[in-house]
Amino acid sequence: MSDTLTVEALPILAIAPAQLLRGNGILSQLPKYLSRYGNKALVIAGETAGQVTASYFHNTDREIIYAPAIADCSDENLAMLRRLVQQENPHVIVGIGGGKVLDTAKLVAHQCQLPIVTVPTTGATCAAWTALSNVYDAHGAFDYDVTLDRCPDMMFVDYDVIATAPKRTLVSGIGDAIAKWYESSVSSGSSEKTMVIAAVQEARILRDILFQKSAEAIANPNSQAWREVVDASVCLAGAIGGIGGANCRTVAAHAVHNALTHLHQTHGTLHGEKVAYGILVQLRLEEFQGNQLAASSRHQLLKFYQEIGLPTTLADLGLSQVTLAELEHIAAIACQPNSDIHRLPFTVSPSQVLAAMVSTTSPITATV
């Protein structure tokens, strides 16, 4: 009889940053907290974010190295930054900016085995929270994603900094965050696993918070409602993916986003705007399966989108002149074998995706 014990290894969950600091003006504390990692930090930021936050690094005895301003998380930028790390030997990396910059900083820190501190400067995504980086090609199209071994070591949410960002960025963040409910509920709503059940229920709470508070938040920046919506979009949305895993992060809505990035005409729209449109496409796909609840949910979302300014059609995404061939190409990309769309509990074809993309605002069809 063997004494060997068989152990089933469950997926490792990277749930949250080790520390989350929030408040108005909290970024002034950043240099003090960086001291725990050493006296040399490499700052990776976008151009605007770097300008907005530069003053917070004055009057510190820490050595601050600034990487060239970046706009995309691409293999080219990642290689450049790894060379900079080898040259400068920083003790910690600080990522400051929007989602693509934060994804870049996290991934460089992961590759170079350095601590990472994230500072979101908009409410547009939960990238500052998550153990995931999305990489884009030289043309701005989604290429691949990388699961990281942990969430950031520290995350600063400074409401004063985020309040300086355009209103559109928080609206986009609401679109990205609210997708967590529609994606996790369809992929994992029937799960009996404790952690997944918790994630799905948190996604429902997140949706309800956004339905209740988004309009007030957008109308009153830096109000209490605004801060709650920022927390929901930047923090809670990330926690849901951390607790529930990949199935609670991305399904059809994000698959549609990833496919849309292959059209250069969409590069002027934000991540969450494309994801929000992708939710409507996903709900149409569910309707094609005879799901009337999906139809009701879609019309509830259409009203919500119109209230806060999220896109509901291809035209709203700048695709009023898109050709049938381009749409067929996008639908095919969305249905590639490795696409997140296959986390749906039913099979989807490119022709169905195309039909859903052009009918996001269709009226509810009564069934007899």
Protein backbone atom coordinates (compact mmCIF):
# COMPACT_ATOMS: atom_id res chain seq x y z
CA MET A 1 0.00 0.00 0.00
CA SER A 2 1.45 3.34 -1.03
CA ASP A 3 1.91 6.13 1.49
CA THR A 4 1.98 8.71 -1.28
CA LEU A 5 -0.63 11.42 -0.76
CA THR A 6 -2.25 12.75 -3.91
CA VAL A 7 -2.83 16.50 -3.71
CA GLU A 8 -5.11 18.31 -6.12
CA ALA A 9 -3.58 21.70 -6.86
CA LEU A 10 -6.27 24.32 -7.36
CA PRO A 11 -5.54 27.49 -9.36
CA ILE A 12 -3.59 30.12 -7.46
CA LEU A 13 -5.74 33.20 -6.86
CA ALA A 14 -4.16 36.66 -6.95
CA ILE A 15 -7.00 38.49 -5.29
CA ALA A 16 -5.89 41.99 -4.31
CA PRO A 17 -2.96 44.38 -3.87
CA ALA A 18 -1.07 43.75 -0.64
CA GLN A 19 -2.01 47.27 0.45
CA LEU A 20 -4.58 49.76 -0.85
CA LEU A 21 -4.26 53.42 0.12
CA ARG A 22 -7.15 55.76 -0.74
CA GLY A 23 -7.93 59.39 -0.07
CA ASN A 24 -7.78 62.95 -1.28
CA GLY A 25 -4.13 63.93 -1.59
CA ILE A 26 -2.92 60.48 -0.50
CA LEU A 27 -0.31 60.44 -3.27
CA SER A 28 1.78 62.87 -1.21
CA GLN A 29 2.57 59.86 0.99
CA LEU A 30 4.02 57.84 -1.91
CA PRO A 31 7.73 58.72 -1.42
CA LYS A 32 7.52 57.69 2.25
CA TYR A 33 6.01 54.32 1.42
CA LEU A 34 8.53 53.66 -1.34
CA SER A 35 11.31 53.66 1.26
CA ARG A 36 10.35 50.14 2.34
CA TYR A 37 11.56 48.83 -1.03
CA GLY A 38 14.83 50.75 -1.26
CA ASN A 39 16.01 54.19 -2.29
CA LYS A 40 15.71 53.95 -6.09
CA ALA A 41 12.43 53.84 -8.02
CA LEU A 42 11.68 53.61 -11.72
CA VAL A 43 8.54 55.54 -12.68
CA ILE A 44 6.66 54.31 -15.75
CA ALA A 45 3.93 56.74 -16.77
CA GLY A 46 2.04 58.18 -19.67
CA GLU A 47 2.87 61.71 -20.71
CA THR A 48 -0.17 63.37 -19.13
CA ALA A 49 -0.04 61.23 -16.00
CA GLY A 50 3.64 62.00 -15.53
CA GLN A 51 2.95 65.73 -15.71
CA VAL A 52 0.00 65.54 -13.31
CA THR A 53 1.91 63.60 -10.66
CA ALA A 54 5.48 64.99 -11.04
CA SER A 55 5.12 67.37 -8.10
CA TYR A 56 4.54 64.48 -5.70
CA PHE A 57 8.14 63.36 -6.17
CA HIS A 58 9.67 66.70 -5.17
CA ASN A 59 11.34 67.05 -1.79
CA THR A 60 12.28 63.39 -1.47
CA ASP A 61 15.66 61.84 -0.90
CA ARG A 62 14.64 58.83 -2.98
CA GLU A 63 16.32 58.50 -6.36
CA ILE A 64 13.57 58.67 -8.99
CA ILE A 65 14.29 57.46 -12.52
CA TYR A 66 11.73 58.39 -15.17
CA ALA A 67 11.18 56.05 -18.09
CA PRO A 68 10.25 57.61 -21.44
CA ALA A 69 6.51 58.33 -21.56
CA ILE A 70 4.58 55.43 -23.06
CA ALA A 71 1.09 55.06 -24.50
CA ASP A 72 0.78 51.33 -25.21
CA CYS A 73 1.59 48.01 -23.58
CA SER A 74 3.51 46.53 -26.51
CA ASP A 75 6.40 44.10 -26.89
CA GLU A 76 8.54 46.98 -28.12
CA ASN A 77 7.89 49.11 -25.03
CA LEU A 78 8.33 46.12 -22.73
CA ALA A 79 11.74 45.34 -24.26
CA MET A 80 12.82 48.99 -23.95
CA LEU A 81 11.80 49.09 -20.30
CA ARG A 82 13.53 45.81 -19.45
CA ARG A 83 16.74 47.28 -20.88
CA LEU A 84 16.22 50.37 -18.72
CA VAL A 85 15.79 48.19 -15.63
CA GLN A 86 19.05 46.38 -16.42
CA GLN A 87 20.79 49.73 -16.85
CA GLU A 88 19.41 51.50 -13.77
CA ASN A 89 18.85 48.60 -11.31
CA PRO A 90 15.86 50.15 -9.50
CA HIS A 91 14.52 48.63 -6.28
CA VAL A 92 10.85 49.18 -7.16
CA ILE A 93 8.71 50.10 -10.17
CA VAL A 94 5.94 52.69 -9.93
CA GLY A 95 3.26 52.62 -12.64
CA ILE A 96 1.27 55.83 -13.02
CA GLY A 97 -1.49 56.38 -15.56
CA GLY A 98 -4.29 54.60 -17.40
CA GLY A 99 -4.80 50.92 -18.08
CA LYS A 100 -2.20 50.37 -20.79
CA VAL A 101 0.53 52.11 -18.82
CA LEU A 102 -0.33 50.21 -15.65
CA ASP A 103 -0.40 46.90 -17.55
CA THR A 104 3.05 47.72 -18.90
CA ALA A 105 4.50 48.59 -15.50
CA LYS A 106 3.02 45.46 -13.89
CA LEU A 107 4.35 43.21 -16.61
CA VAL A 108 7.86 44.72 -16.53
CA ALA A 109 7.94 44.30 -12.75
CA HIS A 110 6.79 40.69 -13.17
CA GLN A 111 9.43 39.97 -15.79
CA CYS A 112 12.19 41.64 -13.77
CA GLN A 113 11.00 40.27 -10.41
CA LEU A 114 10.66 43.69 -8.82
CA PRO A 115 8.02 45.13 -6.45
CA ILE A 116 5.29 47.11 -8.21
CA VAL A 117 3.30 50.10 -6.96
CA THR A 118 0.34 51.26 -9.08
CA VAL A 119 -1.24 54.72 -9.24
CA PRO A 120 -4.35 55.00 -11.44
CA THR A 121 -4.87 58.53 -12.72
CA THR A 122 -8.35 57.85 -14.15
CA GLY A 123 -11.34 55.74 -13.18
CA ALA A 124 -11.31 54.05 -16.57
CA THR A 125 -10.23 50.50 -15.64
CA CYS A 126 -9.34 48.18 -12.76
CA ALA A 127 -5.84 47.63 -14.21
CA ALA A 128 -4.17 49.13 -11.11
CA TRP A 129 -5.65 46.28 -9.06
CA THR A 130 -5.30 43.13 -11.12
CA ALA A 131 -2.69 40.43 -11.71
CA LEU A 132 -3.18 40.61 -15.47
CA SER A 133 -1.63 42.55 -18.35
CA ASN A 134 -3.02 42.93 -21.86
CA VAL A 135 -0.42 43.33 -24.61
CA TYR A 136 -1.16 45.07 -27.92
CA ASP A 137 0.69 44.84 -31.23
CA ALA A 138 2.43 47.69 -33.03
CA HIS A 139 -0.85 48.64 -34.73
CA GLY A 140 -2.79 48.93 -31.46
CA ALA A 141 -4.67 45.63 -31.83
CA PHE A 142 -5.05 43.27 -28.87
CA ASP A 143 -2.38 40.58 -29.13
CA TYR A 144 -2.30 38.48 -25.96
CA ASP A 145 -2.64 38.67 -22.18
CA VAL A 146 -0.32 37.58 -19.40
CA THR A 147 -1.43 36.29 -16.00
CA LEU A 148 0.94 37.67 -13.36
CA ASP A 149 2.04 35.86 -10.21
CA ARG A 150 0.54 38.46 -7.88
CA CYS A 151 -1.42 41.68 -7.67
CA PRO A 152 0.54 44.89 -7.06
CA ASP A 153 2.42 45.27 -3.79
CA MET A 154 0.79 48.64 -3.21
CA MET A 155 -1.92 50.70 -4.89
CA PHE A 156 -2.66 54.41 -4.40
CA VAL A 157 -6.10 55.77 -5.23
CA ASP A 158 -5.84 59.55 -4.97
CA TYR A 159 -9.26 61.02 -5.63
CA ASP A 160 -7.81 64.47 -6.28
CA VAL A 161 -5.66 63.07 -9.10
CA ILE A 162 -8.46 60.99 -10.62
CA ALA A 163 -10.80 64.01 -10.49
CA THR A 164 -8.51 65.83 -12.96
CA ALA A 165 -9.17 63.20 -15.66
CA PRO A 166 -11.82 63.80 -18.33
CA LYS A 167 -15.36 62.76 -17.34
CA ARG A 168 -15.38 60.34 -20.25
CA THR A 169 -12.74 58.17 -18.56
CA LEU A 170 -14.95 57.40 -15.55
CA VAL A 171 -17.92 56.73 -17.84
CA SER A 172 -15.73 54.26 -19.67
CA GLY A 173 -14.68 52.69 -16.35
CA ILE A 174 -18.33 52.20 -15.46
CA GLY A 175 -18.83 50.34 -18.74
CA ASP A 176 -15.84 48.11 -18.08
CA ALA A 177 -16.85 47.42 -14.47
CA ILE A 178 -20.52 46.68 -15.05
CA ALA A 179 -19.50 43.99 -17.53
CA LYS A 180 -18.36 41.87 -14.56
CA TRP A 181 -21.97 41.01 -13.73
CA TYR A 182 -23.07 40.17 -17.26
CA GLU A 183 -19.95 38.10 -17.95
CA SER A 184 -19.58 36.30 -14.61
CA SER A 185 -23.29 35.51 -14.28
CA VAL A 186 -23.51 33.86 -17.70
CA SER A 187 -20.25 31.91 -17.35
CA SER A 188 -20.39 31.07 -13.66
CA GLY A 189 -23.88 31.85 -12.33
CA SER A 190 -24.62 28.16 -11.76
CA SER A 191 -21.26 27.37 -10.15
CA GLU A 192 -21.29 25.57 -6.78
CA LYS A 193 -17.74 26.69 -5.91
CA THR A 194 -17.65 28.98 -2.89
CA MET A 195 -15.17 31.51 -4.24
CA VAL A 196 -16.90 31.75 -7.61
CA ILE A 197 -20.31 32.18 -5.96
CA ALA A 198 -18.83 35.02 -3.90
CA ALA A 199 -17.39 36.67 -7.01
CA VAL A 200 -20.67 36.47 -8.92
CA GLN A 201 -22.59 37.96 -5.99
CA GLU A 202 -20.04 40.76 -5.68
CA ALA A 203 -20.53 41.42 -9.40
CA ARG A 204 -24.26 41.77 -8.81
CA ILE A 205 -23.61 44.24 -5.99
CA LEU A 206 -21.20 46.14 -8.24
CA ARG A 207 -23.86 46.38 -10.96
CA ASP A 208 -26.43 47.70 -8.47
CA ILE A 209 -24.03 50.33 -7.11
CA LEU A 210 -23.32 51.56 -10.63
CA PHE A 211 -27.00 51.65 -11.60
CA GLN A 212 -27.82 53.63 -8.46
CA LYS A 213 -24.92 56.07 -8.25
CA SER A 214 -23.35 56.59 -11.69
CA ALA A 215 -25.51 59.45 -12.92
CA GLU A 216 -25.05 61.40 -9.68
CA ALA A 217 -21.33 60.66 -9.65
CA ILE A 218 -20.76 61.89 -13.19
CA ALA A 219 -22.72 65.07 -12.48
CA ASN A 220 -20.81 65.79 -9.25
CA PRO A 221 -17.06 65.01 -9.47
CA ASN A 222 -15.34 64.41 -6.13
CA SER A 223 -18.67 64.03 -4.34
CA GLN A 224 -19.28 61.05 -2.07
CA ALA A 225 -21.21 59.27 -4.84
CA TRP A 226 -18.34 59.96 -7.25
CA ARG A 227 -15.81 58.44 -4.85
CA GLU A 228 -17.99 55.36 -4.41
CA VAL A 229 -18.23 54.89 -8.17
CA VAL A 230 -14.46 55.31 -8.52
CA ASP A 231 -13.97 52.64 -5.84
CA ALA A 232 -16.42 50.39 -7.65
CA SER A 233 -14.76 50.77 -11.05
CA VAL A 234 -11.12 50.80 -9.97
CA CYS A 235 -11.17 48.45 -6.97
CA LEU A 236 -14.25 46.24 -6.65
CA ALA A 237 -14.23 45.28 -10.33
CA GLY A 238 -10.66 44.04 -9.91
CA ALA A 239 -11.48 42.08 -6.75
CA ILE A 240 -14.21 40.16 -8.55
CA GLY A 241 -11.80 38.83 -11.16
CA GLY A 242 -9.29 38.02 -8.43
CA ILE A 243 -11.73 35.99 -6.33
CA GLY A 244 -13.59 34.31 -9.17
CA GLY A 245 -10.72 33.72 -11.59
CA ALA A 246 -10.65 34.04 -15.36
CA ASN A 247 -14.28 33.04 -15.95
CA CYS A 248 -15.43 35.98 -13.83
CA ARG A 249 -13.15 38.43 -15.64
CA THR A 250 -13.73 38.13 -19.35
CA VAL A 251 -16.33 36.41 -21.51
CA ALA A 252 -18.05 37.65 -24.68
CA ALA A 253 -18.07 41.38 -23.90
CA HIS A 254 -14.30 41.49 -23.59
CA ALA A 255 -13.89 39.15 -26.56
CA VAL A 256 -15.80 41.67 -28.67
CA HIS A 257 -13.57 44.45 -27.33
CA ASN A 258 -10.44 42.50 -28.25
CA ALA A 259 -11.72 41.89 -31.75
CA LEU A 260 -12.75 45.52 -32.26
CA THR A 261 -9.20 46.70 -31.53
CA HIS A 262 -8.22 45.16 -34.88
CA LEU A 263 -10.11 47.99 -36.61
CA HIS A 264 -8.04 51.18 -36.58
CA GLN A 265 -11.26 53.22 -36.59
CA THR A 266 -11.91 52.13 -32.98
CA HIS A 267 -8.60 53.33 -31.58
CA GLY A 268 -10.17 56.64 -30.62
CA THR A 269 -12.65 54.89 -28.33
CA LEU A 270 -11.73 53.81 -24.81
CA HIS A 271 -11.44 50.25 -23.51
CA GLY A 272 -14.59 50.43 -21.40
CA GLU A 273 -16.61 51.96 -24.23
CA LYS A 274 -15.87 48.96 -26.44
CA VAL A 275 -16.54 46.57 -23.56
CA ALA A 276 -19.87 48.27 -22.82
CA TYR A 277 -20.92 47.78 -26.43
CA GLY A 278 -19.67 44.20 -26.15
CA ILE A 279 -22.11 43.55 -23.28
CA LEU A 280 -24.99 44.41 -25.61
CA VAL A 281 -23.57 42.03 -28.22
CA GLN A 282 -23.30 39.28 -25.61
CA LEU A 283 -26.89 39.81 -24.49
CA ARG A 284 -28.04 39.59 -28.12
CA LEU A 285 -26.21 36.27 -28.42
CA GLU A 286 -28.09 35.08 -25.35
CA GLU A 287 -31.34 36.29 -26.87
CA PHE A 288 -30.63 34.20 -29.95
CA GLN A 289 -30.77 31.22 -27.57
CA GLY A 290 -34.29 32.22 -26.56
CA ASN A 291 -33.31 33.99 -23.33
CA GLN A 292 -35.94 36.68 -22.72
CA LEU A 293 -34.25 37.81 -19.51
CA ALA A 294 -31.26 38.80 -21.64
CA ALA A 295 -33.56 40.93 -23.79
CA SER A 296 -34.90 42.73 -20.70
CA SER A 297 -31.37 43.23 -19.39
CA ARG A 298 -30.26 44.67 -22.72
CA HIS A 299 -33.03 47.24 -22.73
CA GLN A 300 -32.31 48.17 -19.13
CA LEU A 301 -28.67 48.73 -20.14
CA LEU A 302 -29.64 50.75 -23.22
CA LYS A 303 -31.52 53.19 -20.99
CA PHE A 304 -28.58 53.34 -18.56
CA TYR A 305 -26.05 53.87 -21.35
CA GLN A 306 -28.05 56.71 -22.82
CA GLU A 307 -28.30 58.33 -19.39
CA ILE A 308 -24.54 58.37 -18.74
CA GLY A 309 -23.12 58.45 -22.28
CA LEU A 310 -21.94 54.95 -23.18
CA PRO A 311 -22.09 53.70 -26.80
CA THR A 312 -25.00 51.53 -27.90
CA THR A 313 -24.25 51.01 -31.61
CA LEU A 314 -21.40 50.59 -34.07
CA ALA A 315 -21.93 54.20 -35.14
CA ASP A 316 -21.34 55.34 -31.55
CA LEU A 317 -17.95 53.60 -31.76
CA GLY A 318 -17.03 55.58 -34.87
CA LEU A 319 -17.94 52.71 -37.19
CA SER A 320 -20.82 54.22 -39.13
CA GLN A 321 -18.91 53.56 -42.37
CA VAL A 322 -17.70 50.07 -41.48
CA THR A 323 -17.92 47.55 -44.32
CA LEU A 324 -19.48 44.10 -44.22
CA ALA A 325 -16.07 42.57 -44.91
CA GLU A 326 -14.60 44.39 -41.90
CA LEU A 327 -17.44 43.21 -39.66
CA GLU A 328 -16.99 39.64 -40.87
CA HIS A 329 -13.30 39.90 -40.05
CA ILE A 330 -14.05 41.19 -36.54
CA ALA A 331 -16.64 38.45 -35.94
CA ALA A 332 -14.13 35.81 -37.03
CA ILE A 333 -11.49 37.18 -34.65
CA ALA A 334 -14.01 37.17 -31.79
CA CYS A 335 -14.63 33.47 -32.43
CA GLN A 336 -11.01 32.31 -32.71
CA PRO A 337 -10.31 29.11 -30.74
CA ASN A 338 -8.55 30.89 -27.86
CA SER A 339 -11.19 33.62 -27.55
CA ASP A 340 -12.90 34.36 -24.23
CA ILE A 341 -16.22 34.17 -26.06
CA HIS A 342 -16.07 30.39 -25.67
CA ARG A 343 -16.68 30.78 -21.94
CA LEU A 344 -20.32 31.24 -22.90
CA PRO A 345 -22.38 28.13 -22.02
CA PHE A 346 -23.35 27.69 -25.68
CA THR A 347 -21.60 27.59 -29.03
CA VAL A 348 -21.30 30.82 -30.99
CA SER A 349 -20.54 31.24 -34.69
CA PRO A 350 -19.06 34.28 -36.47
CA SER A 351 -22.35 34.81 -38.31
CA GLN A 352 -24.18 35.04 -34.98
CA VAL A 353 -21.64 37.53 -33.65
CA LEU A 354 -22.06 39.66 -36.77
CA ALA A 355 -25.86 39.54 -36.43
CA ALA A 356 -25.57 40.57 -32.78
CA MET A 357 -23.18 43.43 -33.56
CA VAL A 358 -25.62 45.09 -35.97
CA SER A 359 -28.71 44.63 -33.77
CA THR A 360 -27.71 45.90 -30.32
CA THR A 361 -30.65 48.31 -30.16
CA SER A 362 -33.30 45.98 -31.60
CA PRO A 363 -36.68 46.09 -29.88
CA ILE A 364 -37.73 43.18 -27.72
CA THR A 365 -39.56 40.58 -29.77
CA ALA A 366 -42.61 39.25 -27.98
CA THR A 367 -42.88 35.47 -27.71
CA VAL A 368 -46.15 33.59 -27.82
